[in-house]
Amino acid sequence: IHADGGQAEVEVGLDEITIRMEDHGPGIPDVNKAMEEGFS
């Protein structure tokens, strides 16, 4: 929706899954606001 795509990398280890999602979109101007439920 926001970044015209990107790439997700998933590492599954013995005790943890790490998911790294990277895009080259516009960035997030206000992360605190973006973390509010319902803000879009």
Full PDB file with SEQRES, HELIX, SHEET, SSBOND, CRYST1, ORIGX, SCALE, CONECT and MASTER records, all heavy atoms in Angstrom:
SEQRES   1 A   40  ILE HIS ALA ASP GLY GLY GLN ALA GLU VAL GLU VAL GLY          
SEQRES   2 A   40  LEU ASP GLU ILE THR ILE ARG MET GLU ASP HIS GLY PRO          
SEQRES   3 A   40  GLY ILE PRO ASP VAL ASN LYS ALA MET GLU GLU GLY PHE          
SEQRES   4 A   40  SER                                                          
HELIX    1 AA1 VAL A   31  ALA A   34  1                                   4    
SHEET    1 AA1 2 GLY A   6  VAL A  12  0                                        
SHEET    2 AA1 2 ILE A  17  ASP A  23 -1                                        
CRYST1    1.000    1.000    1.000  90.00  90.00  90.00 P 1           1          
ORIGX1      1.000000  0.000000  0.000000        0.00000                         
ORIGX2      0.000000  1.000000  0.000000        0.00000                         
ORIGX3      0.000000  0.000000  1.000000        0.00000                         
SCALE1      1.000000  0.000000  0.000000        0.00000                         
SCALE2      0.000000  1.000000  0.000000        0.00000                         
SCALE3      0.000000  0.000000  1.000000        0.00000                         
ATOM      1  N   ILE A   1       0.816  -1.224   0.000  1.00  0.00           N  
ATOM      2  CA  ILE A   1       0.000   0.000   0.000  1.00  0.00           C  
ATOM      3  C   ILE A   1       0.847   1.271   0.000  1.00  0.00           C  
ATOM      4  O   ILE A   1       0.586   2.205  -0.758  1.00  0.00           O  
ATOM      5  CB  ILE A   1      -0.952   0.019   1.219  1.00  0.00           C  
ATOM      6  CG1 ILE A   1      -2.012  -1.066   1.074  1.00  0.00           C  
ATOM      7  CG2 ILE A   1      -1.610   1.389   1.373  1.00  0.00           C  
ATOM      8  CD1 ILE A   1      -2.891  -1.221   2.301  1.00  0.00           C  
ATOM      9  N   HIS A   2       1.853   1.316   0.861  1.00  0.00           N  
ATOM     10  CA  HIS A   2       2.549   2.572   1.127  1.00  0.00           C  
ATOM     11  C   HIS A   2       3.893   2.736   0.427  1.00  0.00           C  
ATOM     12  O   HIS A   2       4.385   3.851   0.325  1.00  0.00           O  
ATOM     13  CB  HIS A   2       2.774   2.740   2.634  1.00  0.00           C  
ATOM     14  CG  HIS A   2       1.517   2.732   3.431  1.00  0.00           C  
ATOM     15  ND1 HIS A   2       0.606   3.770   3.409  1.00  0.00           N  
ATOM     16  CD2 HIS A   2       1.003   1.796   4.269  1.00  0.00           C  
ATOM     17  CE1 HIS A   2      -0.402   3.481   4.197  1.00  0.00           C  
ATOM     18  NE2 HIS A   2      -0.190   2.296   4.743  1.00  0.00           N  
ATOM     19  N   ALA A   3       4.518   1.638  -0.006  1.00  0.00           N  
ATOM     20  CA  ALA A   3       5.919   1.751  -0.403  1.00  0.00           C  
ATOM     21  C   ALA A   3       6.240   1.174  -1.771  1.00  0.00           C  
ATOM     22  O   ALA A   3       7.406   0.994  -2.092  1.00  0.00           O  
ATOM     23  CB  ALA A   3       6.793   1.070   0.647  1.00  0.00           C  
ATOM     24  N   ASP A   4       5.252   0.859  -2.556  1.00  0.00           N  
ATOM     25  CA  ASP A   4       5.498   0.285  -3.880  1.00  0.00           C  
ATOM     26  C   ASP A   4       6.366  -0.972  -3.795  1.00  0.00           C  
ATOM     27  O   ASP A   4       7.224  -1.217  -4.623  1.00  0.00           O  
ATOM     28  CB  ASP A   4       6.122   1.318  -4.822  1.00  0.00           C  
ATOM     29  CG  ASP A   4       5.990   0.900  -6.280  1.00  0.00           C  
ATOM     30  OD1 ASP A   4       5.039   0.161  -6.598  1.00  0.00           O  
ATOM     31  OD2 ASP A   4       6.837   1.291  -7.093  1.00  0.00           O  
ATOM     32  N   GLY A   5       6.128  -1.747  -2.734  1.00  0.00           N  
ATOM     33  CA  GLY A   5       6.805  -3.033  -2.598  1.00  0.00           C  
ATOM     34  C   GLY A   5       8.080  -2.978  -1.801  1.00  0.00           C  
ATOM     35  O   GLY A   5       8.427  -1.976  -1.190  1.00  0.00           O  
ATOM     36  N   GLY A   6       8.761  -4.109  -1.809  1.00  0.00           N  
ATOM     37  CA  GLY A   6      10.007  -4.242  -1.055  1.00  0.00           C  
ATOM     38  C   GLY A   6      10.418  -5.690  -0.999  1.00  0.00           C  
ATOM     39  O   GLY A   6      10.125  -6.472  -1.912  1.00  0.00           O  
ATOM     40  N   GLN A   7      11.043  -6.064   0.099  1.00  0.00           N  
ATOM     41  CA  GLN A   7      11.510  -7.440   0.253  1.00  0.00           C  
ATOM     42  C   GLN A   7      11.407  -7.854   1.718  1.00  0.00           C  
ATOM     43  O   GLN A   7      11.703  -7.065   2.610  1.00  0.00           O  
ATOM     44  CB  GLN A   7      12.960  -7.561  -0.210  1.00  0.00           C  
ATOM     45  CG  GLN A   7      13.526  -8.965  -0.077  1.00  0.00           C  
ATOM     46  CD  GLN A   7      14.845  -9.104  -0.784  1.00  0.00           C  
ATOM     47  OE1 GLN A   7      14.891  -9.095  -1.999  1.00  0.00           O  
ATOM     48  NE2 GLN A   7      15.925  -9.234  -0.018  1.00  0.00           N  
ATOM     49  N   ALA A   8      11.001  -9.094   1.923  1.00  0.00           N  
ATOM     50  CA  ALA A   8      10.964  -9.653   3.269  1.00  0.00           C  
ATOM     51  C   ALA A   8      11.969 -10.791   3.348  1.00  0.00           C  
ATOM     52  O   ALA A   8      12.014 -11.646   2.456  1.00  0.00           O  
ATOM     53  CB  ALA A   8       9.563 -10.164   3.596  1.00  0.00           C  
ATOM     54  N   GLU A   9      12.767 -10.768   4.399  1.00  0.00           N  
ATOM     55  CA  GLU A   9      13.729 -11.832   4.652  1.00  0.00           C  
ATOM     56  C   GLU A   9      13.361 -12.476   5.977  1.00  0.00           C  
ATOM     57  O   GLU A   9      13.158 -11.784   6.981  1.00  0.00           O  
ATOM     58  CB  GLU A   9      15.144 -11.271   4.728  1.00  0.00           C  
ATOM     59  CG  GLU A   9      15.591 -10.609   3.438  1.00  0.00           C  
ATOM     60  CD  GLU A   9      16.927  -9.896   3.574  1.00  0.00           C  
ATOM     61  OE1 GLU A   9      17.521  -9.909   4.676  1.00  0.00           O  
ATOM     62  OE2 GLU A   9      17.368  -9.313   2.575  1.00  0.00           O  
ATOM     63  N   VAL A  10      13.276 -13.803   5.963  1.00  0.00           N  
ATOM     64  CA  VAL A  10      12.885 -14.541   7.156  1.00  0.00           C  
ATOM     65  C   VAL A  10      14.011 -15.499   7.518  1.00  0.00           C  
ATOM     66  O   VAL A  10      14.502 -16.227   6.665  1.00  0.00           O  
ATOM     67  CB  VAL A  10      11.579 -15.339   6.906  1.00  0.00           C  
ATOM     68  CG1 VAL A  10      11.175 -16.101   8.157  1.00  0.00           C  
ATOM     69  CG2 VAL A  10      10.460 -14.420   6.437  1.00  0.00           C  
ATOM     70  N   GLU A  11      14.406 -15.471   8.778  1.00  0.00           N  
ATOM     71  CA  GLU A  11      15.397 -16.425   9.285  1.00  0.00           C  
ATOM     72  C   GLU A  11      14.734 -17.234  10.393  1.00  0.00           C  
ATOM     73  O   GLU A  11      14.227 -16.669  11.367  1.00  0.00           O  
ATOM     74  CB  GLU A  11      16.631 -15.712   9.840  1.00  0.00           C  
ATOM     75  CG  GLU A  11      17.496 -15.108   8.775  1.00  0.00           C  
ATOM     76  CD  GLU A  11      18.837 -14.612   9.329  1.00  0.00           C  
ATOM     77  OE1 GLU A  11      19.191 -14.947  10.471  1.00  0.00           O  
ATOM     78  OE2 GLU A  11      19.505 -13.882   8.590  1.00  0.00           O  
ATOM     79  N   VAL A  12      14.739 -18.545  10.203  1.00  0.00           N  
ATOM     80  CA  VAL A  12      14.168 -19.441  11.201  1.00  0.00           C  
ATOM     81  C   VAL A  12      15.323 -20.157  11.875  1.00  0.00           C  
ATOM     82  O   VAL A  12      16.031 -20.945  11.241  1.00  0.00           O  
ATOM     83  CB  VAL A  12      13.207 -20.468  10.556  1.00  0.00           C  
ATOM     84  CG1 VAL A  12      12.571 -21.339  11.628  1.00  0.00           C  
ATOM     85  CG2 VAL A  12      12.142 -19.760   9.723  1.00  0.00           C  
ATOM     86  N   GLY A  13      15.515 -19.851  13.148  1.00  0.00           N  
ATOM     87  CA  GLY A  13      16.575 -20.489  13.917  1.00  0.00           C  
ATOM     88  C   GLY A  13      15.999 -21.481  14.902  1.00  0.00           C  
ATOM     89  O   GLY A  13      14.788 -21.750  14.918  1.00  0.00           O  
ATOM     90  N   LEU A  14      16.836 -22.005  15.724  1.00  0.00           N  
ATOM     91  CA  LEU A  14      16.425 -23.004  16.699  1.00  0.00           C  
ATOM     92  C   LEU A  14      15.428 -22.446  17.704  1.00  0.00           C  
ATOM     93  O   LEU A  14      14.460 -23.118  18.068  1.00  0.00           O  
ATOM     94  CB  LEU A  14      17.661 -23.545  17.430  1.00  0.00           C  
ATOM     95  CG  LEU A  14      17.445 -24.710  18.370  1.00  0.00           C  
ATOM     96  CD1 LEU A  14      16.841 -25.898  17.617  1.00  0.00           C  
ATOM     97  CD2 LEU A  14      18.754 -25.115  19.017  1.00  0.00           C  
ATOM     98  N   ASP A  15      15.636 -21.198  18.136  1.00  0.00           N  
ATOM     99  CA  ASP A  15      14.783 -20.648  19.183  1.00  0.00           C  
ATOM    100  C   ASP A  15      14.107 -19.321  18.822  1.00  0.00           C  
ATOM    101  O   ASP A  15      13.476 -18.700  19.666  1.00  0.00           O  
ATOM    102  CB  ASP A  15      15.584 -20.481  20.474  1.00  0.00           C  
ATOM    103  CG  ASP A  15      16.809 -19.590  20.303  1.00  0.00           C  
ATOM    104  OD1 ASP A  15      17.052 -19.123  19.174  1.00  0.00           O  
ATOM    105  OD2 ASP A  15      17.518 -19.358  21.288  1.00  0.00           O  
ATOM    106  N   GLU A  16      14.237 -18.892  17.546  1.00  0.00           N  
ATOM    107  CA  GLU A  16      13.684 -17.585  17.183  1.00  0.00           C  
ATOM    108  C   GLU A  16      13.471 -17.462  15.678  1.00  0.00           C  
ATOM    109  O   GLU A  16      14.240 -17.993  14.891  1.00  0.00           O  
ATOM    110  CB  GLU A  16      14.664 -16.508  17.657  1.00  0.00           C  
ATOM    111  CG  GLU A  16      14.218 -15.095  17.487  1.00  0.00           C  
ATOM    112  CD  GLU A  16      15.201 -14.133  18.133  1.00  0.00           C  
ATOM    113  OE1 GLU A  16      16.299 -13.944  17.564  1.00  0.00           O  
ATOM    114  OE2 GLU A  16      14.878 -13.588  19.199  1.00  0.00           O  
ATOM    115  N   ILE A  17      12.412 -16.741  15.321  1.00  0.00           N  
ATOM    116  CA  ILE A  17      12.161 -16.369  13.931  1.00  0.00           C  
ATOM    117  C   ILE A  17      12.406 -14.866  13.840  1.00  0.00           C  
ATOM    118  O   ILE A  17      11.899 -14.093  14.654  1.00  0.00           O  
ATOM    119  CB  ILE A  17      10.711 -16.667  13.504  1.00  0.00           C  
ATOM    120  CG1 ILE A  17      10.417 -18.158  13.600  1.00  0.00           C  
ATOM    121  CG2 ILE A  17      10.442 -16.154  12.084  1.00  0.00           C  
ATOM    122  CD1 ILE A  17       8.943 -18.504  13.433  1.00  0.00           C  
ATOM    123  N   THR A  18      13.202 -14.465  12.857  1.00  0.00           N  
ATOM    124  CA  THR A  18      13.432 -13.038  12.602  1.00  0.00           C  
ATOM    125  C   THR A  18      12.863 -12.717  11.229  1.00  0.00           C  
ATOM    126  O   THR A  18      13.186 -13.390  10.248  1.00  0.00           O  
ATOM    127  CB  THR A  18      14.939 -12.697  12.634  1.00  0.00           C  
ATOM    128  OG1 THR A  18      15.460 -13.050  13.924  1.00  0.00           O  
ATOM    129  CG2 THR A  18      15.165 -11.214  12.379  1.00  0.00           C  
ATOM    130  N   ILE A  19      12.024 -11.710  11.181  1.00  0.00           N  
ATOM    131  CA  ILE A  19      11.445 -11.249   9.916  1.00  0.00           C  
ATOM    132  C   ILE A  19      11.902  -9.811   9.715  1.00  0.00           C  
ATOM    133  O   ILE A  19      11.654  -8.944  10.557  1.00  0.00           O  
ATOM    134  CB  ILE A  19       9.903 -11.318   9.926  1.00  0.00           C  
ATOM    135  CG1 ILE A  19       9.429 -12.736  10.248  1.00  0.00           C  
ATOM    136  CG2 ILE A  19       9.339 -10.832   8.589  1.00  0.00           C  
ATOM    137  CD1 ILE A  19       7.934 -12.838  10.504  1.00  0.00           C  
ATOM    138  N   ARG A  20      12.574  -9.579   8.587  1.00  0.00           N  
ATOM    139  CA  ARG A  20      13.074  -8.233   8.259  1.00  0.00           C  
ATOM    140  C   ARG A  20      12.405  -7.793   6.963  1.00  0.00           C  
ATOM    141  O   ARG A  20      12.576  -8.426   5.921  1.00  0.00           O  
ATOM    142  CB  ARG A  20      14.590  -8.266   8.087  1.00  0.00           C  
ATOM    143  CG  ARG A  20      15.208  -6.918   7.820  1.00  0.00           C  
ATOM    144  CD  ARG A  20      16.732  -7.045   7.674  1.00  0.00           C  
ATOM    145  NE  ARG A  20      17.372  -5.757   7.550  1.00  0.00           N  
ATOM    146  CZ  ARG A  20      17.476  -5.081   6.413  1.00  0.00           C  
ATOM    147  NH1 ARG A  20      16.995  -5.581   5.289  1.00  0.00           N  
ATOM    148  NH2 ARG A  20      18.074  -3.905   6.397  1.00  0.00           N  
ATOM    149  N   MET A  21      11.606  -6.733   7.042  1.00  0.00           N  
ATOM    150  CA  MET A  21      10.862  -6.233   5.890  1.00  0.00           C  
ATOM    151  C   MET A  21      11.397  -4.864   5.516  1.00  0.00           C  
ATOM    152  O   MET A  21      11.341  -3.934   6.318  1.00  0.00           O  
ATOM    153  CB  MET A  21       9.375  -6.181   6.229  1.00  0.00           C  
ATOM    154  CG  MET A  21       8.805  -7.573   6.526  1.00  0.00           C  
ATOM    155  SD  MET A  21       7.203  -7.568   7.339  1.00  0.00           S  
ATOM    156  CE  MET A  21       7.675  -7.238   9.043  1.00  0.00           C  
ATOM    157  N   GLU A  22      11.925  -4.762   4.302  1.00  0.00           N  
ATOM    158  CA  GLU A  22      12.562  -3.519   3.860  1.00  0.00           C  
ATOM    159  C   GLU A  22      11.884  -2.992   2.606  1.00  0.00           C  
ATOM    160  O   GLU A  22      11.626  -3.744   1.673  1.00  0.00           O  
ATOM    161  CB  GLU A  22      14.045  -3.755   3.569  1.00  0.00           C  
ATOM    162  CG  GLU A  22      14.768  -2.506   3.110  1.00  0.00           C  
ATOM    163  CD  GLU A  22      16.265  -2.706   2.940  1.00  0.00           C  
ATOM    164  OE1 GLU A  22      16.738  -3.850   3.094  1.00  0.00           O  
ATOM    165  OE2 GLU A  22      16.949  -1.720   2.649  1.00  0.00           O  
ATOM    166  N   ASP A  23      11.618  -1.694   2.612  1.00  0.00           N  
ATOM    167  CA  ASP A  23      11.069  -1.061   1.418  1.00  0.00           C  
ATOM    168  C   ASP A  23      11.871   0.180   1.088  1.00  0.00           C  
ATOM    169  O   ASP A  23      12.717   0.602   1.863  1.00  0.00           O  
ATOM    170  CB  ASP A  23       9.575  -0.720   1.611  1.00  0.00           C  
ATOM    171  CG  ASP A  23       9.334   0.380   2.637  1.00  0.00           C  
ATOM    172  OD1 ASP A  23       9.913   1.483   2.499  1.00  0.00           O  
ATOM    173  OD2 ASP A  23       8.554   0.162   3.580  1.00  0.00           O  
ATOM    174  N   HIS A  24      11.606   0.717  -0.063  1.00  0.00           N  
ATOM    175  CA  HIS A  24      12.258   1.958  -0.493  1.00  0.00           C  
ATOM    176  C   HIS A  24      11.187   3.009  -0.767  1.00  0.00           C  
ATOM    177  O   HIS A  24      11.260   3.752  -1.727  1.00  0.00           O  
ATOM    178  CB  HIS A  24      13.127   1.707  -1.728  1.00  0.00           C  
ATOM    179  CG  HIS A  24      14.182   0.675  -1.482  1.00  0.00           C  
ATOM    180  ND1 HIS A  24      15.276   0.920  -0.686  1.00  0.00           N  
ATOM    181  CD2 HIS A  24      14.290  -0.604  -1.881  1.00  0.00           C  
ATOM    182  CE1 HIS A  24      16.018  -0.174  -0.625  1.00  0.00           C  
ATOM    183  NE2 HIS A  24      15.438  -1.105  -1.335  1.00  0.00           N  
ATOM    184  N   GLY A  25      10.207   3.015   0.123  1.00  0.00           N  
ATOM    185  CA  GLY A  25       9.081   3.929  -0.017  1.00  0.00           C  
ATOM    186  C   GLY A  25       9.362   5.291   0.573  1.00  0.00           C  
ATOM    187  O   GLY A  25      10.516   5.687   0.742  1.00  0.00           O  
ATOM    188  N   PRO A  26       8.305   5.999   0.942  1.00  0.00           N  
ATOM    189  CA  PRO A  26       8.445   7.376   1.403  1.00  0.00           C  
ATOM    190  C   PRO A  26       8.950   7.521   2.832  1.00  0.00           C  
ATOM    191  O   PRO A  26       9.242   8.630   3.262  1.00  0.00           O  
ATOM    192  CB  PRO A  26       7.020   7.923   1.282  1.00  0.00           C  
ATOM    193  CG  PRO A  26       6.156   6.718   1.494  1.00  0.00           C  
ATOM    194  CD  PRO A  26       6.907   5.581   0.835  1.00  0.00           C  
ATOM    195  N   GLY A  27       9.069   6.423   3.568  1.00  0.00           N  
ATOM    196  CA  GLY A  27       9.441   6.518   4.977  1.00  0.00           C  
ATOM    197  C   GLY A  27       8.234   6.910   5.815  1.00  0.00           C  
ATOM    198  O   GLY A  27       7.168   7.237   5.298  1.00  0.00           O  
ATOM    199  N   ILE A  28       8.409   6.846   7.120  1.00  0.00           N  
ATOM    200  CA  ILE A  28       7.321   7.164   8.051  1.00  0.00           C  
ATOM    201  C   ILE A  28       7.682   8.459   8.768  1.00  0.00           C  
ATOM    202  O   ILE A  28       8.615   8.476   9.585  1.00  0.00           O  
ATOM    203  CB  ILE A  28       7.120   6.025   9.070  1.00  0.00           C  
ATOM    204  CG1 ILE A  28       6.836   4.708   8.346  1.00  0.00           C  
ATOM    205  CG2 ILE A  28       5.975   6.370  10.032  1.00  0.00           C  
ATOM    206  CD1 ILE A  28       6.852   3.487   9.254  1.00  0.00           C  
ATOM    207  N   PRO A  29       6.968   9.551   8.489  1.00  0.00           N  
ATOM    208  CA  PRO A  29       7.306  10.839   9.099  1.00  0.00           C  
ATOM    209  C   PRO A  29       7.165  10.867  10.626  1.00  0.00           C  
ATOM    210  O   PRO A  29       7.929  11.520  11.306  1.00  0.00           O  
ATOM    211  CB  PRO A  29       6.325  11.822   8.467  1.00  0.00           C  
ATOM    212  CG  PRO A  29       5.790  11.147   7.265  1.00  0.00           C  
ATOM    213  CD  PRO A  29       5.899   9.672   7.512  1.00  0.00           C  
ATOM    214  N   ASP A  30       6.162  10.143  11.164  1.00  0.00           N  
ATOM    215  CA  ASP A  30       5.905  10.166  12.602  1.00  0.00           C  
ATOM    216  C   ASP A  30       5.606   8.741  13.062  1.00  0.00           C  
ATOM    217  O   ASP A  30       4.459   8.286  13.000  1.00  0.00           O  
ATOM    218  CB  ASP A  30       4.732  11.100  12.908  1.00  0.00           C  
ATOM    219  CG  ASP A  30       4.485  11.292  14.396  1.00  0.00           C  
ATOM    220  OD1 ASP A  30       4.936  10.457  15.211  1.00  0.00           O  
ATOM    221  OD2 ASP A  30       3.818  12.287  14.748  1.00  0.00           O  
ATOM    222  N   VAL A  31       6.626   8.031  13.521  1.00  0.00           N  
ATOM    223  CA  VAL A  31       6.473   6.622  13.922  1.00  0.00           C  
ATOM    224  C   VAL A  31       5.490   6.491  15.080  1.00  0.00           C  
ATOM    225  O   VAL A  31       4.664   5.574  15.093  1.00  0.00           O  
ATOM    226  CB  VAL A  31       7.839   5.992  14.278  1.00  0.00           C  
ATOM    227  CG1 VAL A  31       7.661   4.604  14.862  1.00  0.00           C  
ATOM    228  CG2 VAL A  31       8.736   5.943  13.048  1.00  0.00           C  
ATOM    229  N   ASN A  32       5.538   7.403  16.048  1.00  0.00           N  
ATOM    230  CA  ASN A  32       4.606   7.316  17.175  1.00  0.00           C  
ATOM    231  C   ASN A  32       3.165   7.393  16.703  1.00  0.00           C  
ATOM    232  O   ASN A  32       2.301   6.639  17.170  1.00  0.00           O  
ATOM    233  CB  ASN A  32       4.894   8.411  18.209  1.00  0.00           C  
ATOM    234  CG  ASN A  32       6.189   8.167  18.950  1.00  0.00           C  
ATOM    235  OD1 ASN A  32       6.603   7.019  19.137  1.00  0.00           O  
ATOM    236  ND2 ASN A  32       6.846   9.235  19.364  1.00  0.00           N  
ATOM    237  N   LYS A  33       2.888   8.289  15.782  1.00  0.00           N  
ATOM    238  CA  LYS A  33       1.528   8.418  15.236  1.00  0.00           C  
ATOM    239  C   LYS A  33       1.152   7.148  14.463  1.00  0.00           C  
ATOM    240  O   LYS A  33       0.037   6.641  14.583  1.00  0.00           O  
ATOM    241  CB  LYS A  33       1.453   9.649  14.321  1.00  0.00           C  
ATOM    242  CG  LYS A  33       0.069   9.981  13.858  1.00  0.00           C  
ATOM    243  CD  LYS A  33      -0.696  10.639  14.972  1.00  0.00           C  
ATOM    244  CE  LYS A  33      -2.027  11.143  14.479  1.00  0.00           C  
ATOM    245  NZ  LYS A  33      -2.929  11.461  15.589  1.00  0.00           N  
ATOM    246  N   ALA A  34       2.095   6.626  13.668  1.00  0.00           N  
ATOM    247  CA  ALA A  34       1.836   5.419  12.882  1.00  0.00           C  
ATOM    248  C   ALA A  34       1.568   4.204  13.774  1.00  0.00           C  
ATOM    249  O   ALA A  34       0.910   3.259  13.339  1.00  0.00           O  
ATOM    250  CB  ALA A  34       3.021   5.138  11.958  1.00  0.00           C  
ATOM    251  N   MET A  35       2.041   4.231  15.003  1.00  0.00           N  
ATOM    252  CA  MET A  35       1.819   3.124  15.942  1.00  0.00           C  
ATOM    253  C   MET A  35       0.458   3.204  16.634  1.00  0.00           C  
ATOM    254  O   MET A  35       0.053   2.271  17.314  1.00  0.00           O  
ATOM    255  CB  MET A  35       2.930   3.087  16.995  1.00  0.00           C  
ATOM    256  CG  MET A  35       4.282   2.670  16.464  1.00  0.00           C  
ATOM    257  SD  MET A  35       4.309   1.016  15.721  1.00  0.00           S  
ATOM    258  CE  MET A  35       3.863  -0.001  17.118  1.00  0.00           C  
ATOM    259  N   GLU A  36      -0.258   4.292  16.452  1.00  0.00           N  
ATOM    260  CA  GLU A  36      -1.585   4.433  17.059  1.00  0.00           C  
ATOM    261  C   GLU A  36      -2.603   3.589  16.292  1.00  0.00           C  
ATOM    262  O   GLU A  36      -2.695   3.678  15.062  1.00  0.00           O  
ATOM    263  CB  GLU A  36      -2.034   5.893  17.037  1.00  0.00           C  
ATOM    264  CG  GLU A  36      -1.243   6.803  17.936  1.00  0.00           C  
ATOM    265  CD  GLU A  36      -1.694   8.259  17.850  1.00  0.00           C  
ATOM    266  OE1 GLU A  36      -2.770   8.540  17.262  1.00  0.00           O  
ATOM    267  OE2 GLU A  36      -0.952   9.118  18.358  1.00  0.00           O  
ATOM    268  N   GLU A  37      -3.370   2.796  17.018  1.00  0.00           N  
ATOM    269  CA  GLU A  37      -4.403   1.986  16.376  1.00  0.00           C  
ATOM    270  C   GLU A  37      -5.406   2.896  15.674  1.00  0.00           C  
ATOM    271  O   GLU A  37      -5.885   3.858  16.249  1.00  0.00           O  
ATOM    272  CB  GLU A  37      -5.107   1.104  17.405  1.00  0.00           C  
ATOM    273  CG  GLU A  37      -4.216   0.022  17.950  1.00  0.00           C  
ATOM    274  CD  GLU A  37      -4.949  -0.963  18.849  1.00  0.00           C  
ATOM    275  OE1 GLU A  37      -6.193  -0.935  18.918  1.00  0.00           O  
ATOM    276  OE2 GLU A  37      -4.256  -1.774  19.484  1.00  0.00           O  
ATOM    277  N   GLY A  38      -5.681   2.586  14.424  1.00  0.00           N  
ATOM    278  CA  GLY A  38      -6.653   3.344  13.648  1.00  0.00           C  
ATOM    279  C   GLY A  38      -6.059   4.447  12.794  1.00  0.00           C  
ATOM    280  O   GLY A  38      -6.728   4.958  11.898  1.00  0.00           O  
ATOM    281  N   PHE A  39      -4.813   4.833  13.038  1.00  0.00           N  
ATOM    282  CA  PHE A  39      -4.190   5.867  12.207  1.00  0.00           C  
ATOM    283  C   PHE A  39      -3.737   5.242  10.893  1.00  0.00           C  
ATOM    284  O   PHE A  39      -3.072   4.211  10.878  1.00  0.00           O  
ATOM    285  CB  PHE A  39      -2.983   6.494  12.908  1.00  0.00           C  
ATOM    286  CG  PHE A  39      -2.261   7.487  12.037  1.00  0.00           C  
ATOM    287  CD1 PHE A  39      -2.761   8.765  11.855  1.00  0.00           C  
ATOM    288  CD2 PHE A  39      -1.107   7.130  11.354  1.00  0.00           C  
ATOM    289  CE1 PHE A  39      -2.113   9.679  11.035  1.00  0.00           C  
ATOM    290  CE2 PHE A  39      -0.451   8.034  10.533  1.00  0.00           C  
ATOM    291  CZ  PHE A  39      -0.961   9.308  10.372  1.00  0.00           C  
ATOM    292  N   SER A  40      -4.111   5.860   9.782  1.00  0.00           N  
ATOM    293  CA  SER A  40      -3.742   5.319   8.477  1.00  0.00           C  
ATOM    294  C   SER A  40      -3.583   6.436   7.462  1.00  0.00           C  
ATOM    295  O   SER A  40      -4.313   7.420   7.493  1.00  0.00           O  
ATOM    296  CB  SER A  40      -4.825   4.349   7.979  1.00  0.00           C  
ATOM    297  OG  SER A  40      -4.499   3.866   6.696  1.00  0.00           O  
TER     298      SER A  40                                                      
MASTER        0    0    0    1    2    0    0    6  297    1    0    4          
END                                                                             
